[in-house]
Amino acid sequence: MEPREKAAQLPESPGVYLFKDAGGTVLYVGKARNLRSRVRSYFLESRWIDAKTGSRRERSPIWKP
């Protein structure tokens, strides 16, 4: 079953979801008022068109001696 199909079967009630890497390590824990809607939003192509990276990134401070 495709991830989009699985997301369509989720309940519309509040809940939490986990992002895991290929090894099963939890990368992110999210919560949502409507679990189905939130998880399905991650599969929208328009969500990632403007994304510079697929992961969170911290800005490095500029060091000036």
N, C-alpha and C. Protein backbone atom coordinates (compact mmCIF):
# COMPACT_ATOMS: atom_id res chain seq x y z
N MET A 1 0.84 -1.18 0.00
CA MET A 1 0.00 0.00 0.00
C MET A 1 0.88 1.24 0.00
N GLU A 2 0.56 2.20 -0.84
CA GLU A 2 1.31 3.45 -0.95
C GLU A 2 1.07 4.33 0.29
N PRO A 3 2.04 5.17 0.65
CA PRO A 3 1.86 6.07 1.81
C PRO A 3 0.64 6.97 1.68
N ARG A 4 0.33 7.44 0.47
CA ARG A 4 -0.85 8.30 0.29
C ARG A 4 -2.13 7.53 0.62
N GLU A 5 -2.16 6.26 0.23
CA GLU A 5 -3.33 5.42 0.52
C GLU A 5 -3.46 5.18 2.02
N LYS A 6 -2.34 4.98 2.69
CA LYS A 6 -2.37 4.80 4.14
C LYS A 6 -2.86 6.07 4.82
N ALA A 7 -2.39 7.23 4.35
CA ALA A 7 -2.80 8.50 4.94
C ALA A 7 -4.30 8.72 4.78
N ALA A 8 -4.86 8.28 3.67
CA ALA A 8 -6.29 8.46 3.43
C ALA A 8 -7.14 7.63 4.40
N GLN A 9 -6.54 6.61 5.02
CA GLN A 9 -7.27 5.75 5.94
C GLN A 9 -7.14 6.19 7.40
N LEU A 10 -6.37 7.22 7.65
CA LEU A 10 -6.20 7.71 9.02
C LEU A 10 -7.48 8.39 9.50
N PRO A 11 -7.69 8.42 10.81
CA PRO A 11 -8.88 9.10 11.35
C PRO A 11 -8.76 10.61 11.24
N GLU A 12 -9.89 11.29 11.27
CA GLU A 12 -9.89 12.75 11.24
C GLU A 12 -9.81 13.34 12.64
N SER A 13 -9.63 12.52 13.62
CA SER A 13 -9.55 12.97 15.01
C SER A 13 -8.12 13.44 15.33
N PRO A 14 -7.95 14.09 16.50
CA PRO A 14 -6.61 14.52 16.90
C PRO A 14 -5.68 13.32 17.10
N GLY A 15 -4.39 13.57 16.91
CA GLY A 15 -3.43 12.49 17.11
C GLY A 15 -2.01 12.96 16.94
N VAL A 16 -1.09 12.05 17.10
CA VAL A 16 0.34 12.33 16.90
C VAL A 16 0.87 11.45 15.78
N TYR A 17 1.93 11.90 15.14
CA TYR A 17 2.55 11.15 14.06
C TYR A 17 4.06 11.23 14.22
N LEU A 18 4.75 10.23 13.71
CA LEU A 18 6.20 10.15 13.82
C LEU A 18 6.84 10.13 12.44
N PHE A 19 7.90 10.89 12.27
CA PHE A 19 8.74 10.79 11.08
C PHE A 19 9.94 9.95 11.49
N LYS A 20 10.20 8.89 10.72
CA LYS A 20 11.33 8.02 11.01
C LYS A 20 12.25 7.94 9.80
N ASP A 21 13.53 7.70 10.05
CA ASP A 21 14.45 7.48 8.94
C ASP A 21 14.37 6.02 8.51
N ALA A 22 15.17 5.65 7.53
CA ALA A 22 15.13 4.28 6.99
C ALA A 22 15.48 3.23 8.05
N GLY A 23 16.25 3.61 9.06
CA GLY A 23 16.62 2.68 10.11
C GLY A 23 15.61 2.59 11.24
N GLY A 24 14.56 3.41 11.18
CA GLY A 24 13.52 3.38 12.21
C GLY A 24 13.73 4.37 13.34
N THR A 25 14.77 5.19 13.26
CA THR A 25 15.01 6.20 14.28
C THR A 25 14.00 7.34 14.12
N VAL A 26 13.38 7.74 15.22
CA VAL A 26 12.40 8.82 15.17
C VAL A 26 13.13 10.15 14.96
N LEU A 27 12.76 10.87 13.90
CA LEU A 27 13.36 12.16 13.58
C LEU A 27 12.51 13.32 14.07
N TYR A 28 11.19 13.12 14.10
CA TYR A 28 10.27 14.21 14.44
C TYR A 28 8.96 13.62 14.95
N VAL A 29 8.41 14.23 15.99
CA VAL A 29 7.10 13.86 16.51
C VAL A 29 6.20 15.07 16.32
N GLY A 30 5.09 14.88 15.62
CA GLY A 30 4.16 15.97 15.38
C GLY A 30 2.80 15.66 15.97
N LYS A 31 2.01 16.70 16.12
CA LYS A 31 0.64 16.52 16.60
C LYS A 31 -0.29 17.30 15.69
N ALA A 32 -1.53 16.86 15.66
CA ALA A 32 -2.48 17.51 14.76
C ALA A 32 -3.90 17.40 15.31
N ARG A 33 -4.69 18.41 15.03
CA ARG A 33 -6.12 18.36 15.38
C ARG A 33 -6.86 17.41 14.46
N ASN A 34 -6.44 17.36 13.20
CA ASN A 34 -7.02 16.45 12.22
C ASN A 34 -5.85 15.65 11.64
N LEU A 35 -5.68 14.46 12.16
CA LEU A 35 -4.51 13.65 11.80
C LEU A 35 -4.46 13.35 10.31
N ARG A 36 -5.59 12.98 9.71
CA ARG A 36 -5.61 12.65 8.28
C ARG A 36 -5.17 13.85 7.43
N SER A 37 -5.72 15.00 7.73
CA SER A 37 -5.41 16.21 6.96
C SER A 37 -3.93 16.57 7.08
N ARG A 38 -3.39 16.51 8.29
CA ARG A 38 -1.99 16.89 8.50
C ARG A 38 -1.05 15.95 7.77
N VAL A 39 -1.25 14.64 7.91
CA VAL A 39 -0.35 13.68 7.27
C VAL A 39 -0.47 13.77 5.75
N ARG A 40 -1.68 13.91 5.24
CA ARG A 40 -1.86 14.02 3.78
C ARG A 40 -1.17 15.25 3.23
N SER A 41 -1.09 16.33 4.02
CA SER A 41 -0.45 17.57 3.54
C SER A 41 1.02 17.36 3.22
N TYR A 42 1.66 16.39 3.85
CA TYR A 42 3.07 16.13 3.57
C TYR A 42 3.29 15.48 2.21
N PHE A 43 2.23 14.97 1.60
CA PHE A 43 2.35 14.32 0.30
C PHE A 43 1.97 15.24 -0.85
N LEU A 44 1.65 16.51 -0.56
CA LEU A 44 1.34 17.48 -1.61
C LEU A 44 2.63 17.97 -2.24
N GLU A 45 2.73 17.88 -3.55
CA GLU A 45 3.95 18.34 -4.23
C GLU A 45 4.17 19.83 -4.04
N SER A 46 3.10 20.61 -3.99
CA SER A 46 3.23 22.06 -3.85
C SER A 46 3.89 22.43 -2.52
N ARG A 47 3.82 21.54 -1.54
CA ARG A 47 4.44 21.82 -0.25
C ARG A 47 5.96 21.85 -0.36
N TRP A 48 6.54 21.08 -1.27
CA TRP A 48 7.99 20.94 -1.36
C TRP A 48 8.60 21.71 -2.52
N ILE A 49 7.82 22.34 -3.37
CA ILE A 49 8.36 23.06 -4.53
C ILE A 49 9.34 24.14 -4.10
N ASP A 50 8.97 24.92 -3.08
CA ASP A 50 9.82 26.02 -2.65
C ASP A 50 10.80 25.63 -1.54
N ALA A 51 10.77 24.40 -1.12
CA ALA A 51 11.66 23.96 -0.04
C ALA A 51 13.10 23.88 -0.53
N LYS A 52 14.00 24.44 0.27
CA LYS A 52 15.42 24.37 -0.09
C LYS A 52 16.02 23.05 0.34
N THR A 53 15.46 22.48 1.37
CA THR A 53 15.97 21.20 1.87
C THR A 53 14.84 20.42 2.51
N GLY A 54 14.95 19.12 2.58
CA GLY A 54 13.91 18.30 3.16
C GLY A 54 14.02 18.18 4.67
N SER A 55 15.08 18.73 5.25
CA SER A 55 15.24 18.65 6.70
C SER A 55 15.39 20.04 7.29
N ARG A 56 15.21 20.11 8.57
CA ARG A 56 15.39 21.40 9.24
C ARG A 56 16.87 21.75 9.27
N ARG A 57 17.14 23.02 9.17
CA ARG A 57 18.52 23.46 9.11
C ARG A 57 18.69 24.70 9.96
N GLU A 58 19.69 24.74 10.79
CA GLU A 58 19.96 25.91 11.61
C GLU A 58 20.95 26.80 10.89
N ARG A 59 20.78 28.09 11.06
CA ARG A 59 21.72 29.03 10.45
C ARG A 59 22.99 29.09 11.28
N SER A 60 24.10 29.12 10.64
CA SER A 60 25.37 29.25 11.33
C SER A 60 25.63 30.72 11.60
N PRO A 61 26.08 31.03 12.80
CA PRO A 61 26.40 32.44 13.08
C PRO A 61 27.59 32.89 12.24
N ILE A 62 27.59 34.14 11.86
CA ILE A 62 28.71 34.69 11.09
C ILE A 62 29.78 35.13 12.07
N TRP A 63 30.96 34.63 11.88
CA TRP A 63 32.07 34.95 12.78
C TRP A 63 32.97 35.98 12.12
N LYS A 64 33.13 37.10 12.80
CA LYS A 64 34.03 38.15 12.32
C LYS A 64 35.00 38.45 13.43
N PRO A 65 36.29 38.17 13.21
CA PRO A 65 37.31 38.43 14.25
C PRO A 65 37.51 39.91 14.48
